[in-house]
Amino acid sequence: MCHHCIMLRKFIFNTSKTLKKLRIDISDGKHPAVLAMQRSIMQAGGITFKYEIYPDGSWTAESVNFDGIITGGKSTKEISSMVKDAIFTYFEVPTKNCNEELLVGPNEPVSMRQQVFATR
């Protein structure tokens, strides 16, 4: 995806999140891509990610059970949002239908796997 496309998608995604916080829902939870995404995630028992966090605060996240879902960023503050955006992108969910609540329900635990290495 080109840089401008990524920036536009982030803008639309963040605008959509803000509208949802204001209780303005512009999405359709019945969109075929949303339904297909939900079915695939349920059949797989969830999506598991391996995270790598670097000394400068940057990070990468790659799914271990869905080939091709990978993302990263400069700050760990954006992990949740970026991972969810990567999932929506992978399943080709239109940006206006990217509702973060579709991926994690209330009171569900979020798990994280991290590698730690010893220094020499």
PDB file of N, CA and C in Angstrom:
ATOM      1  N   MET A   1       0.848  -1.157   0.000  1.00  0.00           N
ATOM      2  CA  MET A   1       0.000   0.000   0.000  1.00  0.00           C
ATOM      3  C   MET A   1       0.908   1.238   0.000  1.00  0.00           C
ATOM      4  N   CYS A   2       0.590   2.245  -0.776  1.00  0.00           N
ATOM      5  CA  CYS A   2       1.416   3.450  -0.852  1.00  0.00           C
ATOM      6  C   CYS A   2       1.258   4.290   0.421  1.00  0.00           C
ATOM      7  N   HIS A   3       2.236   5.162   0.659  1.00  0.00           N
ATOM      8  CA  HIS A   3       2.250   5.990   1.868  1.00  0.00           C
ATOM      9  C   HIS A   3       0.978   6.842   1.987  1.00  0.00           C
ATOM     10  N   HIS A   4       0.546   7.440   0.885  1.00  0.00           N
ATOM     11  CA  HIS A   4      -0.651   8.285   0.921  1.00  0.00           C
ATOM     12  C   HIS A   4      -1.899   7.469   1.236  1.00  0.00           C
ATOM     13  N   CYS A   5      -1.964   6.258   0.714  1.00  0.00           N
ATOM     14  CA  CYS A   5      -3.115   5.386   1.001  1.00  0.00           C
ATOM     15  C   CYS A   5      -3.144   5.018   2.480  1.00  0.00           C
ATOM     16  N   ILE A   6      -1.970   4.731   3.053  1.00  0.00           N
ATOM     17  CA  ILE A   6      -1.884   4.387   4.471  1.00  0.00           C
ATOM     18  C   ILE A   6      -2.316   5.570   5.320  1.00  0.00           C
ATOM     19  N   MET A   7      -1.829   6.762   4.977  1.00  0.00           N
ATOM     20  CA  MET A   7      -2.190   7.958   5.736  1.00  0.00           C
ATOM     21  C   MET A   7      -3.686   8.241   5.640  1.00  0.00           C
ATOM     22  N   LEU A   8      -4.272   8.085   4.453  1.00  0.00           N
ATOM     23  CA  LEU A   8      -5.701   8.301   4.277  1.00  0.00           C
ATOM     24  C   LEU A   8      -6.499   7.283   5.083  1.00  0.00           C
ATOM     25  N   ARG A   9      -6.087   6.023   5.039  1.00  0.00           N
ATOM     26  CA  ARG A   9      -6.779   4.978   5.794  1.00  0.00           C
ATOM     27  C   ARG A   9      -6.715   5.270   7.296  1.00  0.00           C
ATOM     28  N   LYS A  10      -5.540   5.702   7.797  1.00  0.00           N
ATOM     29  CA  LYS A  10      -5.410   6.047   9.220  1.00  0.00           C
ATOM     30  C   LYS A  10      -6.333   7.204   9.579  1.00  0.00           C
ATOM     31  N   PHE A  11      -6.394   8.217   8.700  1.00  0.00           N
ATOM     32  CA  PHE A  11      -7.258   9.374   8.955  1.00  0.00           C
ATOM     33  C   PHE A  11      -8.724   8.940   9.034  1.00  0.00           C
ATOM     34  N   ILE A  12      -9.168   8.155   8.079  1.00  0.00           N
ATOM     35  CA  ILE A  12     -10.559   7.702   8.063  1.00  0.00           C
ATOM     36  C   ILE A  12     -10.840   6.810   9.267  1.00  0.00           C
ATOM     37  N   PHE A  13      -9.895   5.921   9.584  1.00  0.00           N
ATOM     38  CA  PHE A  13     -10.046   5.015  10.721  1.00  0.00           C
ATOM     39  C   PHE A  13     -10.178   5.808  12.014  1.00  0.00           C
ATOM     40  N   ASN A  14      -9.289   6.791  12.225  1.00  0.00           N
ATOM     41  CA  ASN A  14      -9.325   7.603  13.445  1.00  0.00           C
ATOM     42  C   ASN A  14     -10.572   8.484  13.503  1.00  0.00           C
ATOM     43  N   THR A  15     -10.999   9.024  12.364  1.00  0.00           N
ATOM     44  CA  THR A  15     -12.227   9.825  12.321  1.00  0.00           C
ATOM     45  C   THR A  15     -13.425   8.962  12.674  1.00  0.00           C
ATOM     46  N   SER A  16     -13.456   7.750  12.132  1.00  0.00           N
ATOM     47  CA  SER A  16     -14.541   6.824  12.426  1.00  0.00           C
ATOM     48  C   SER A  16     -14.582   6.488  13.913  1.00  0.00           C
ATOM     49  N   LYS A  17     -13.396   6.291  14.532  1.00  0.00           N
ATOM     50  CA  LYS A  17     -13.326   6.019  15.968  1.00  0.00           C
ATOM     51  C   LYS A  17     -13.876   7.192  16.774  1.00  0.00           C
ATOM     52  N   THR A  18     -13.514   8.401  16.386  1.00  0.00           N
ATOM     53  CA  THR A  18     -13.985   9.599  17.082  1.00  0.00           C
ATOM     54  C   THR A  18     -15.497   9.719  16.972  1.00  0.00           C
ATOM     55  N   LEU A  19     -16.037   9.477  15.782  1.00  0.00           N
ATOM     56  CA  LEU A  19     -17.489   9.546  15.604  1.00  0.00           C
ATOM     57  C   LEU A  19     -18.200   8.501  16.467  1.00  0.00           C
ATOM     58  N   LYS A  20     -17.618   7.316  16.562  1.00  0.00           N
ATOM     59  CA  LYS A  20     -18.222   6.265  17.382  1.00  0.00           C
ATOM     60  C   LYS A  20     -18.228   6.657  18.854  1.00  0.00           C
ATOM     61  N   LYS A  21     -17.149   7.326  19.316  1.00  0.00           N
ATOM     62  CA  LYS A  21     -17.100   7.797  20.703  1.00  0.00           C
ATOM     63  C   LYS A  21     -18.194   8.827  20.964  1.00  0.00           C
ATOM     64  N   LEU A  22     -18.536   9.573  19.926  1.00  0.00           N
ATOM     65  CA  LEU A  22     -19.611  10.562  20.039  1.00  0.00           C
ATOM     66  C   LEU A  22     -20.980   9.936  19.793  1.00  0.00           C
ATOM     67  N   ARG A  23     -20.987   8.598  19.680  1.00  0.00           N
ATOM     68  CA  ARG A  23     -22.198   7.811  19.444  1.00  0.00           C
ATOM     69  C   ARG A  23     -22.829   8.083  18.078  1.00  0.00           C
ATOM     70  N   ILE A  24     -21.978   8.397  17.115  1.00  0.00           N
ATOM     71  CA  ILE A  24     -22.420   8.557  15.729  1.00  0.00           C
ATOM     72  C   ILE A  24     -21.844   7.383  14.960  1.00  0.00           C
ATOM     73  N   ASP A  25     -22.672   6.426  14.618  1.00  0.00           N
ATOM     74  CA  ASP A  25     -22.200   5.219  13.950  1.00  0.00           C
ATOM     75  C   ASP A  25     -22.505   5.287  12.462  1.00  0.00           C
ATOM     76  N   ILE A  26     -21.445   5.345  11.645  1.00  0.00           N
ATOM     77  CA  ILE A  26     -21.624   5.427  10.197  1.00  0.00           C
ATOM     78  C   ILE A  26     -21.423   4.077   9.524  1.00  0.00           C
ATOM     79  N   SER A  27     -21.117   3.056  10.320  1.00  0.00           N
ATOM     80  CA  SER A  27     -20.806   1.756   9.728  1.00  0.00           C
ATOM     81  C   SER A  27     -22.026   0.855   9.667  1.00  0.00           C
ATOM     82  N   ASP A  28     -21.863  -0.196   8.909  1.00  0.00           N
ATOM     83  CA  ASP A  28     -22.890  -1.221   8.797  1.00  0.00           C
ATOM     84  C   ASP A  28     -22.243  -2.534   9.236  1.00  0.00           C
ATOM     85  N   GLY A  29     -22.573  -3.002  10.426  1.00  0.00           N
ATOM     86  CA  GLY A  29     -21.985  -4.227  10.959  1.00  0.00           C
ATOM     87  C   GLY A  29     -22.343  -5.464  10.164  1.00  0.00           C
ATOM     88  N   LYS A  30     -23.232  -5.335   9.206  1.00  0.00           N
ATOM     89  CA  LYS A  30     -23.650  -6.483   8.388  1.00  0.00           C
ATOM     90  C   LYS A  30     -22.908  -6.537   7.049  1.00  0.00           C
ATOM     91  N   HIS A  31     -21.913  -5.688   6.877  1.00  0.00           N
ATOM     92  CA  HIS A  31     -21.161  -5.682   5.619  1.00  0.00           C
ATOM     93  C   HIS A  31     -20.540  -7.071   5.415  1.00  0.00           C
ATOM     94  N   PRO A  32     -20.574  -7.612   4.194  1.00  0.00           N
ATOM     95  CA  PRO A  32     -20.046  -8.955   3.934  1.00  0.00           C
ATOM     96  C   PRO A  32     -18.596  -9.153   4.396  1.00  0.00           C
ATOM     97  N   ALA A  33     -17.759  -8.131   4.261  1.00  0.00           N
ATOM     98  CA  ALA A  33     -16.363  -8.268   4.699  1.00  0.00           C
ATOM     99  C   ALA A  33     -16.270  -8.383   6.216  1.00  0.00           C
ATOM    100  N   VAL A  34     -17.149  -7.673   6.931  1.00  0.00           N
ATOM    101  CA  VAL A  34     -17.165  -7.751   8.394  1.00  0.00           C
ATOM    102  C   VAL A  34     -17.607  -9.144   8.826  1.00  0.00           C
ATOM    103  N   LEU A  35     -18.663  -9.642   8.197  1.00  0.00           N
ATOM    104  CA  LEU A  35     -19.174 -10.972   8.540  1.00  0.00           C
ATOM    105  C   LEU A  35     -18.149 -12.056   8.233  1.00  0.00           C
ATOM    106  N   ALA A  36     -17.461 -11.934   7.099  1.00  0.00           N
ATOM    107  CA  ALA A  36     -16.424 -12.911   6.731  1.00  0.00           C
ATOM    108  C   ALA A  36     -15.266 -12.855   7.723  1.00  0.00           C
ATOM    109  N   MET A  37     -14.872 -11.644   8.135  1.00  0.00           N
ATOM    110  CA  MET A  37     -13.803 -11.481   9.111  1.00  0.00           C
ATOM    111  C   MET A  37     -14.188 -12.162  10.426  1.00  0.00           C
ATOM    112  N   GLN A  38     -15.383 -11.875  10.909  1.00  0.00           N
ATOM    113  CA  GLN A  38     -15.827 -12.458  12.173  1.00  0.00           C
ATOM    114  C   GLN A  38     -15.862 -13.985  12.109  1.00  0.00           C
ATOM    115  N   ARG A  39     -16.351 -14.522  10.994  1.00  0.00           N
ATOM    116  CA  ARG A  39     -16.403 -15.981  10.812  1.00  0.00           C
ATOM    117  C   ARG A  39     -15.003 -16.585  10.848  1.00  0.00           C
ATOM    118  N   SER A  40     -14.080 -15.978  10.112  1.00  0.00           N
ATOM    119  CA  SER A  40     -12.709 -16.496  10.047  1.00  0.00           C
ATOM    120  C   SER A  40     -12.028 -16.462  11.406  1.00  0.00           C
ATOM    121  N   ILE A  41     -12.220 -15.367  12.134  1.00  0.00           N
ATOM    122  CA  ILE A  41     -11.590 -15.236  13.450  1.00  0.00           C
ATOM    123  C   ILE A  41     -12.178 -16.252  14.427  1.00  0.00           C
ATOM    124  N   MET A  42     -13.491 -16.443  14.384  1.00  0.00           N
ATOM    125  CA  MET A  42     -14.127 -17.421  15.269  1.00  0.00           C
ATOM    126  C   MET A  42     -13.663 -18.838  14.942  1.00  0.00           C
ATOM    127  N   GLN A  43     -13.585 -19.171  13.652  1.00  0.00           N
ATOM    128  CA  GLN A  43     -13.153 -20.508  13.254  1.00  0.00           C
ATOM    129  C   GLN A  43     -11.718 -20.785  13.686  1.00  0.00           C
ATOM    130  N   ALA A  44     -10.883 -19.754  13.704  1.00  0.00           N
ATOM    131  CA  ALA A  44      -9.478 -19.919  14.098  1.00  0.00           C
ATOM    132  C   ALA A  44      -9.297 -19.876  15.612  1.00  0.00           C
ATOM    133  N   GLY A  45     -10.355 -19.551  16.331  1.00  0.00           N
ATOM    134  CA  GLY A  45     -10.233 -19.427  17.773  1.00  0.00           C
ATOM    135  C   GLY A  45      -9.534 -18.145  18.202  1.00  0.00           C
ATOM    136  N   GLY A  46      -9.525 -17.150  17.310  1.00  0.00           N
ATOM    137  CA  GLY A  46      -8.885 -15.868  17.594  1.00  0.00           C
ATOM    138  C   GLY A  46      -7.650 -15.676  16.734  1.00  0.00           C
ATOM    139  N   ILE A  47      -7.087 -14.502  16.825  1.00  0.00           N
ATOM    140  CA  ILE A  47      -5.852 -14.193  16.108  1.00  0.00           C
ATOM    141  C   ILE A  47      -4.769 -13.975  17.155  1.00  0.00           C
ATOM    142  N   THR A  48      -3.670 -14.686  17.016  1.00  0.00           N
ATOM    143  CA  THR A  48      -2.562 -14.576  17.959  1.00  0.00           C
ATOM    144  C   THR A  48      -1.432 -13.796  17.301  1.00  0.00           C
ATOM    145  N   PHE A  49      -0.859 -12.866  18.051  1.00  0.00           N
ATOM    146  CA  PHE A  49       0.237 -12.040  17.554  1.00  0.00           C
ATOM    147  C   PHE A  49       1.501 -12.262  18.365  1.00  0.00           C
ATOM    148  N   LYS A  50       2.625 -12.183  17.680  1.00  0.00           N
ATOM    149  CA  LYS A  50       3.939 -12.159  18.326  1.00  0.00           C
ATOM    150  C   LYS A  50       4.418 -10.716  18.228  1.00  0.00           C
ATOM    151  N   TYR A  51       4.769 -10.126  19.364  1.00  0.00           N
ATOM    152  CA  TYR A  51       5.227  -8.741  19.402  1.00  0.00           C
ATOM    153  C   TYR A  51       6.725  -8.690  19.625  1.00  0.00           C
ATOM    154  N   GLU A  52       7.365  -7.740  18.986  1.00  0.00           N
ATOM    155  CA  GLU A  52       8.764  -7.442  19.252  1.00  0.00           C
ATOM    156  C   GLU A  52       8.834  -5.959  19.580  1.00  0.00           C
ATOM    157  N   ILE A  53       9.314  -5.645  20.775  1.00  0.00           N
ATOM    158  CA  ILE A  53       9.421  -4.260  21.208  1.00  0.00           C
ATOM    159  C   ILE A  53      10.901  -3.943  21.340  1.00  0.00           C
ATOM    160  N   TYR A  54      11.326  -2.873  20.698  1.00  0.00           N
ATOM    161  CA  TYR A  54      12.735  -2.522  20.613  1.00  0.00           C
ATOM    162  C   TYR A  54      13.104  -1.446  21.629  1.00  0.00           C
ATOM    163  N   PRO A  55      14.390  -1.324  21.950  1.00  0.00           N
ATOM    164  CA  PRO A  55      14.833  -0.347  22.959  1.00  0.00           C
ATOM    165  C   PRO A  55      14.395   1.097  22.687  1.00  0.00           C
ATOM    166  N   ASP A  56      14.243   1.469  21.421  1.00  0.00           N
ATOM    167  CA  ASP A  56      13.842   2.851  21.104  1.00  0.00           C
ATOM    168  C   ASP A  56      12.329   3.074  21.233  1.00  0.00           C
ATOM    169  N   GLY A  57      11.592   2.040  21.651  1.00  0.00           N
ATOM    170  CA  GLY A  57      10.144   2.163  21.816  1.00  0.00           C
ATOM    171  C   GLY A  57       9.352   1.714  20.602  1.00  0.00           C
ATOM    172  N   SER A  58      10.019   1.480  19.486  1.00  0.00           N
ATOM    173  CA  SER A  58       9.312   0.994  18.299  1.00  0.00           C
ATOM    174  C   SER A  58       8.966  -0.482  18.502  1.00  0.00           C
ATOM    175  N   TRP A  59       8.073  -0.968  17.675  1.00  0.00           N
ATOM    176  CA  TRP A  59       7.591  -2.335  17.847  1.00  0.00           C
ATOM    177  C   TRP A  59       7.086  -2.894  16.526  1.00  0.00           C
ATOM    178  N   THR A  60       6.986  -4.215  16.472  1.00  0.00           N
ATOM    179  CA  THR A  60       6.331  -4.899  15.359  1.00  0.00           C
ATOM    180  C   THR A  60       5.421  -5.973  15.951  1.00  0.00           C
ATOM    181  N   ALA A  61       4.365  -6.265  15.219  1.00  0.00           N
ATOM    182  CA  ALA A  61       3.435  -7.318  15.622  1.00  0.00           C
ATOM    183  C   ALA A  61       3.113  -8.130  14.374  1.00  0.00           C
ATOM    184  N   GLU A  62       3.224  -9.441  14.498  1.00  0.00           N
ATOM    185  CA  GLU A  62       2.933 -10.325  13.370  1.00  0.00           C
ATOM    186  C   GLU A  62       2.070 -11.478  13.854  1.00  0.00           C
ATOM    187  N   SER A  63       1.002 -11.749  13.115  1.00  0.00           N
ATOM    188  CA  SER A  63       0.122 -12.849  13.477  1.00  0.00           C
ATOM    189  C   SER A  63       0.855 -14.170  13.278  1.00  0.00           C
ATOM    190  N   VAL A  64       0.673 -15.076  14.236  1.00  0.00           N
ATOM    191  CA  VAL A  64       1.292 -16.393  14.113  1.00  0.00           C
ATOM    192  C   VAL A  64       0.333 -17.412  13.508  1.00  0.00           C
ATOM    193  N   ASN A  65      -0.947 -17.051  13.377  1.00  0.00           N
ATOM    194  CA  ASN A  65      -1.886 -18.008  12.796  1.00  0.00           C
ATOM    195  C   ASN A  65      -2.644 -17.482  11.571  1.00  0.00           C
ATOM    196  N   PHE A  66      -2.358 -16.252  11.138  1.00  0.00           N
ATOM    197  CA  PHE A  66      -2.900 -15.719   9.888  1.00  0.00           C
ATOM    198  C   PHE A  66      -1.723 -15.115   9.124  1.00  0.00           C
ATOM    199  N   ASP A  67      -1.230 -15.819   8.118  1.00  0.00           N
ATOM    200  CA  ASP A  67      -0.099 -15.312   7.340  1.00  0.00           C
ATOM    201  C   ASP A  67      -0.454 -13.986   6.680  1.00  0.00           C
ATOM    202  N   GLY A  68       0.398 -12.982   6.885  1.00  0.00           N
ATOM    203  CA  GLY A  68       0.210 -11.711   6.201  1.00  0.00           C
ATOM    204  C   GLY A  68      -0.332 -10.584   7.054  1.00  0.00           C
ATOM    205  N   ILE A  69      -0.692 -10.860   8.317  1.00  0.00           N
ATOM    206  CA  ILE A  69      -1.121  -9.751   9.181  1.00  0.00           C
ATOM    207  C   ILE A  69       0.116  -9.307   9.958  1.00  0.00           C
ATOM    208  N   ILE A  70       0.625  -8.150   9.593  1.00  0.00           N
ATOM    209  CA  ILE A  70       1.823  -7.604  10.231  1.00  0.00           C
ATOM    210  C   ILE A  70       1.693  -6.090  10.293  1.00  0.00           C
ATOM    211  N   THR A  71       2.177  -5.515  11.375  1.00  0.00           N
ATOM    212  CA  THR A  71       2.128  -4.068  11.542  1.00  0.00           C
ATOM    213  C   THR A  71       3.242  -3.645  12.480  1.00  0.00           C
ATOM    214  N   GLY A  72       3.365  -2.369  12.696  1.00  0.00           N
ATOM    215  CA  GLY A  72       4.386  -1.860  13.607  1.00  0.00           C
ATOM    216  C   GLY A  72       4.200  -0.381  13.815  1.00  0.00           C
ATOM    217  N   GLY A  73       4.986   0.153  14.724  1.00  0.00           N
ATOM    218  CA  GLY A  73       4.875   1.574  15.006  1.00  0.00           C
ATOM    219  C   GLY A  73       6.063   2.083  15.794  1.00  0.00           C
ATOM    220  N   LYS A  74       6.012   3.375  16.090  1.00  0.00           N
ATOM    221  CA  LYS A  74       7.109   4.027  16.804  1.00  0.00           C
ATOM    222  C   LYS A  74       6.886   4.097  18.303  1.00  0.00           C
ATOM    223  N   SER A  75       5.652   3.878  18.753  1.00  0.00           N
ATOM    224  CA  SER A  75       5.323   3.986  20.166  1.00  0.00           C
ATOM    225  C   SER A  75       4.369   2.863  20.562  1.00  0.00           C
ATOM    226  N   THR A  76       4.595   2.276  21.722  1.00  0.00           N
ATOM    227  CA  THR A  76       3.720   1.189  22.172  1.00  0.00           C
ATOM    228  C   THR A  76       2.317   1.679  22.508  1.00  0.00           C
ATOM    229  N   LYS A  77       2.120   2.979  22.618  1.00  0.00           N
ATOM    230  CA  LYS A  77       0.787   3.525  22.889  1.00  0.00           C
ATOM    231  C   LYS A  77      -0.194   3.216  21.764  1.00  0.00           C
ATOM    232  N   GLU A  78       0.323   2.976  20.566  1.00  0.00           N
ATOM    233  CA  GLU A  78      -0.544   2.772  19.404  1.00  0.00           C
ATOM    234  C   GLU A  78      -0.727   1.304  19.036  1.00  0.00           C
ATOM    235  N   ILE A  79      -0.226   0.378  19.849  1.00  0.00           N
ATOM    236  CA  ILE A  79      -0.272  -1.043  19.490  1.00  0.00           C
ATOM    237  C   ILE A  79      -1.695  -1.516  19.198  1.00  0.00           C
ATOM    238  N   SER A  80      -2.608  -1.326  20.129  1.00  0.00           N
ATOM    239  CA  SER A  80      -3.967  -1.850  19.973  1.00  0.00           C
ATOM    240  C   SER A  80      -4.626  -1.341  18.698  1.00  0.00           C
ATOM    241  N   SER A  81      -4.562  -0.050  18.489  1.00  0.00           N
ATOM    242  CA  SER A  81      -5.195   0.552  17.316  1.00  0.00           C
ATOM    243  C   SER A  81      -4.556   0.059  16.016  1.00  0.00           C
ATOM    244  N   MET A  82      -3.235  -0.007  15.988  1.00  0.00           N
ATOM    245  CA  MET A  82      -2.542  -0.428  14.764  1.00  0.00           C
ATOM    246  C   MET A  82      -2.806  -1.905  14.450  1.00  0.00           C
ATOM    247  N   VAL A  83      -2.833  -2.744  15.479  1.00  0.00           N
ATOM    248  CA  VAL A  83      -3.101  -4.172  15.265  1.00  0.00           C
ATOM    249  C   VAL A  83      -4.516  -4.354  14.715  1.00  0.00           C
ATOM    250  N   LYS A  84      -5.470  -3.643  15.295  1.00  0.00           N
ATOM    251  CA  LYS A  84      -6.844  -3.759  14.804  1.00  0.00           C
ATOM    252  C   LYS A  84      -6.956  -3.255  13.369  1.00  0.00           C
ATOM    253  N   ASP A  85      -6.270  -2.163  13.058  1.00  0.00           N
ATOM    254  CA  ASP A  85      -6.284  -1.652  11.683  1.00  0.00           C
ATOM    255  C   ASP A  85      -5.669  -2.675  10.730  1.00  0.00           C
ATOM    256  N   ALA A  86      -4.601  -3.348  11.150  1.00  0.00           N
ATOM    257  CA  ALA A  86      -3.971  -4.375  10.309  1.00  0.00           C
ATOM    258  C   ALA A  86      -4.936  -5.531  10.048  1.00  0.00           C
ATOM    259  N   ILE A  87      -5.710  -5.895  11.060  1.00  0.00           N
ATOM    260  CA  ILE A  87      -6.695  -6.976  10.890  1.00  0.00           C
ATOM    261  C   ILE A  87      -7.775  -6.554   9.903  1.00  0.00           C
ATOM    262  N   PHE A  88      -8.301  -5.347  10.070  1.00  0.00           N
ATOM    263  CA  PHE A  88      -9.317  -4.854   9.131  1.00  0.00           C
ATOM    264  C   PHE A  88      -8.769  -4.790   7.712  1.00  0.00           C
ATOM    265  N   THR A  89      -7.530  -4.344   7.571  1.00  0.00           N
ATOM    266  CA  THR A  89      -6.906  -4.264   6.245  1.00  0.00           C
ATOM    267  C   THR A  89      -6.758  -5.652   5.634  1.00  0.00           C
ATOM    268  N   TYR A  90      -6.302  -6.601   6.433  1.00  0.00           N
ATOM    269  CA  TYR A  90      -6.115  -7.978   5.962  1.00  0.00           C
ATOM    270  C   TYR A  90      -7.425  -8.553   5.418  1.00  0.00           C
ATOM    271  N   PHE A  91      -8.517  -8.294   6.132  1.00  0.00           N
ATOM    272  CA  PHE A  91      -9.816  -8.823   5.718  1.00  0.00           C
ATOM    273  C   PHE A  91     -10.560  -7.911   4.752  1.00  0.00           C
ATOM    274  N   GLU A  92      -9.894  -6.842   4.298  1.00  0.00           N
ATOM    275  CA  GLU A  92     -10.444  -5.895   3.320  1.00  0.00           C
ATOM    276  C   GLU A  92     -11.779  -5.310   3.770  1.00  0.00           C
ATOM    277  N   VAL A  93     -11.860  -4.982   5.064  1.00  0.00           N
ATOM    278  CA  VAL A  93     -13.048  -4.330   5.612  1.00  0.00           C
ATOM    279  C   VAL A  93     -12.980  -2.859   5.226  1.00  0.00           C
ATOM    280  N   PRO A  94     -14.029  -2.322   4.603  1.00  0.00           N
ATOM    281  CA  PRO A  94     -14.018  -0.896   4.258  1.00  0.00           C
ATOM    282  C   PRO A  94     -13.791  -0.047   5.509  1.00  0.00           C
ATOM    283  N   THR A  95     -13.031   1.003   5.364  1.00  0.00           N
ATOM    284  CA  THR A  95     -12.633   1.820   6.506  1.00  0.00           C
ATOM    285  C   THR A  95     -13.822   2.286   7.336  1.00  0.00           C
ATOM    286  N   LYS A  96     -14.914   2.658   6.701  1.00  0.00           N
ATOM    287  CA  LYS A  96     -16.073   3.148   7.464  1.00  0.00           C
ATOM    288  C   LYS A  96     -16.707   2.048   8.313  1.00  0.00           C
ATOM    289  N   ASN A  97     -16.380   0.789   8.047  1.00  0.00           N
ATOM    290  CA  ASN A  97     -16.917  -0.331   8.810  1.00  0.00           C
ATOM    291  C   ASN A  97     -15.946  -0.837   9.874  1.00  0.00           C
ATOM    292  N   CYS A  98     -14.821  -0.145  10.036  1.00  0.00           N
ATOM    293  CA  CYS A  98     -13.797  -0.566  10.995  1.00  0.00           C
ATOM    294  C   CYS A  98     -14.166  -0.110  12.398  1.00  0.00           C
ATOM    295  N   ASN A  99     -14.966  -0.888  13.053  1.00  0.00           N
ATOM    296  CA  ASN A  99     -15.390  -0.611  14.419  1.00  0.00           C
ATOM    297  C   ASN A  99     -14.555  -1.493  15.343  1.00  0.00           C
ATOM    298  N   GLU A 100     -13.715  -0.876  16.185  1.00  0.00           N
ATOM    299  CA  GLU A 100     -12.817  -1.639  17.055  1.00  0.00           C
ATOM    300  C   GLU A 100     -13.564  -2.617  17.955  1.00  0.00           C
ATOM    301  N   GLU A 101     -14.795  -2.304  18.279  1.00  0.00           N
ATOM    302  CA  GLU A 101     -15.580  -3.182  19.146  1.00  0.00           C
ATOM    303  C   GLU A 101     -15.933  -4.506  18.468  1.00  0.00           C
ATOM    304  N   LEU A 102     -15.767  -4.601  17.165  1.00  0.00           N
ATOM    305  CA  LEU A 102     -16.025  -5.846  16.458  1.00  0.00           C
ATOM    306  C   LEU A 102     -14.968  -6.900  16.771  1.00  0.00           C
ATOM    307  N   LEU A 103     -13.813  -6.465  17.252  1.00  0.00           N
ATOM    308  CA  LEU A 103     -12.700  -7.388  17.449  1.00  0.00           C
ATOM    309  C   LEU A 103     -12.544  -7.862  18.884  1.00  0.00           C
ATOM    310  N   VAL A 104     -12.916  -7.076  19.856  1.00  0.00           N
ATOM    311  CA  VAL A 104     -12.796  -7.480  21.250  1.00  0.00           C
ATOM    312  C   VAL A 104     -14.085  -7.102  21.956  1.00  0.00           C
ATOM    313  N   GLY A 105     -14.744  -8.087  22.512  1.00  0.00           N
ATOM    314  CA  GLY A 105     -15.978  -7.823  23.241  1.00  0.00           C
ATOM    315  C   GLY A 105     -15.698  -7.377  24.663  1.00  0.00           C
ATOM    316  N   PRO A 106     -16.705  -6.858  25.341  1.00  0.00           N
ATOM    317  CA  PRO A 106     -16.528  -6.416  26.722  1.00  0.00           C
ATOM    318  C   PRO A 106     -16.104  -7.578  27.621  1.00  0.00           C
ATOM    319  N   ASN A 107     -15.227  -7.294  28.548  1.00  0.00           N
ATOM    320  CA  ASN A 107     -14.742  -8.252  29.552  1.00  0.00           C
ATOM    321  C   ASN A 107     -13.932  -9.409  28.981  1.00  0.00           C
ATOM    322  N   GLU A 108     -13.489  -9.306  27.737  1.00  0.00           N
ATOM    323  CA  GLU A 108     -12.633 -10.350  27.184  1.00  0.00           C
ATOM    324  C   GLU A 108     -11.188  -9.996  27.462  1.00  0.00           C
ATOM    325  N   PRO A 109     -10.399 -10.977  27.885  1.00  0.00           N
ATOM    326  CA  PRO A 109      -8.987 -10.684  28.143  1.00  0.00           C
ATOM    327  C   PRO A 109      -8.227 -10.485  26.840  1.00  0.00           C
ATOM    328  N   VAL A 110      -7.199  -9.681  26.906  1.00  0.00           N
ATOM    329  CA  VAL A 110      -6.316  -9.479  25.771  1.00  0.00           C
ATOM    330  C   VAL A 110      -4.989 -10.108  26.151  1.00  0.00           C
ATOM    331  N   SER A 111      -4.467 -11.003  25.318  1.00  0.00           N
ATOM    332  CA  SER A 111      -3.192 -11.638  25.638  1.00  0.00           C
ATOM    333  C   SER A 111      -2.099 -11.086  24.730  1.00  0.00           C
ATOM    334  N   MET A 112      -0.890 -11.126  25.250  1.00  0.00           N
ATOM    335  CA  MET A 112       0.246 -10.593  24.512  1.00  0.00           C
ATOM    336  C   MET A 112       1.417 -11.529  24.718  1.00  0.00           C
ATOM    337  N   ARG A 113       2.159 -11.792  23.678  1.00  0.00           N
ATOM    338  CA  ARG A 113       3.342 -12.641  23.772  1.00  0.00           C
ATOM    339  C   ARG A 113       4.542 -11.780  23.426  1.00  0.00           C
ATOM    340  N   GLN A 114       5.584 -11.893  24.211  1.00  0.00           N
ATOM    341  CA  GLN A 114       6.770 -11.071  23.995  1.00  0.00           C
ATOM    342  C   GLN A 114       7.999 -11.928  24.211  1.00  0.00           C
ATOM    343  N   GLN A 115       9.047 -11.674  23.435  1.00  0.00           N
ATOM    344  CA  GLN A 115      10.312 -12.371  23.621  1.00  0.00           C
ATOM    345  C   GLN A 115      11.251 -11.482  24.421  1.00  0.00           C
ATOM    346  N   VAL A 116      12.022 -12.101  25.306  1.00  0.00           N
ATOM    347  CA  VAL A 116      13.011 -11.383  26.088  1.00  0.00           C
ATOM    348  C   VAL A 116      14.345 -12.071  25.879  1.00  0.00           C
ATOM    349  N   PHE A 117      15.388 -11.312  25.652  1.00  0.00           N
ATOM    350  CA  PHE A 117      16.716 -11.840  25.412  1.00  0.00           C
ATOM    351  C   PHE A 117      17.683 -11.307  26.466  1.00  0.00           C
ATOM    352  N   ALA A 118      18.660 -12.113  26.811  1.00  0.00           N
ATOM    353  CA  ALA A 118      19.695 -11.689  27.754  1.00  0.00           C
ATOM    354  C   ALA A 118      20.752 -10.904  26.993  1.00  0.00           C
ATOM    355  N   THR A 119      21.323  -9.908  27.654  1.00  0.00           N
ATOM    356  CA  THR A 119      22.403  -9.143  27.034  1.00  0.00           C
ATOM    357  C   THR A 119      23.726  -9.803  27.380  1.00  0.00           C
ATOM    358  N   ARG A 120      24.707  -9.511  26.593  1.00  0.00           N
ATOM    359  CA  ARG A 120      26.042 -10.107  26.828  1.00  0.00           C
ATOM    360  C   ARG A 120      26.936  -9.151  27.515  1.00  0.00           C
TER     361      ARG A 120
END
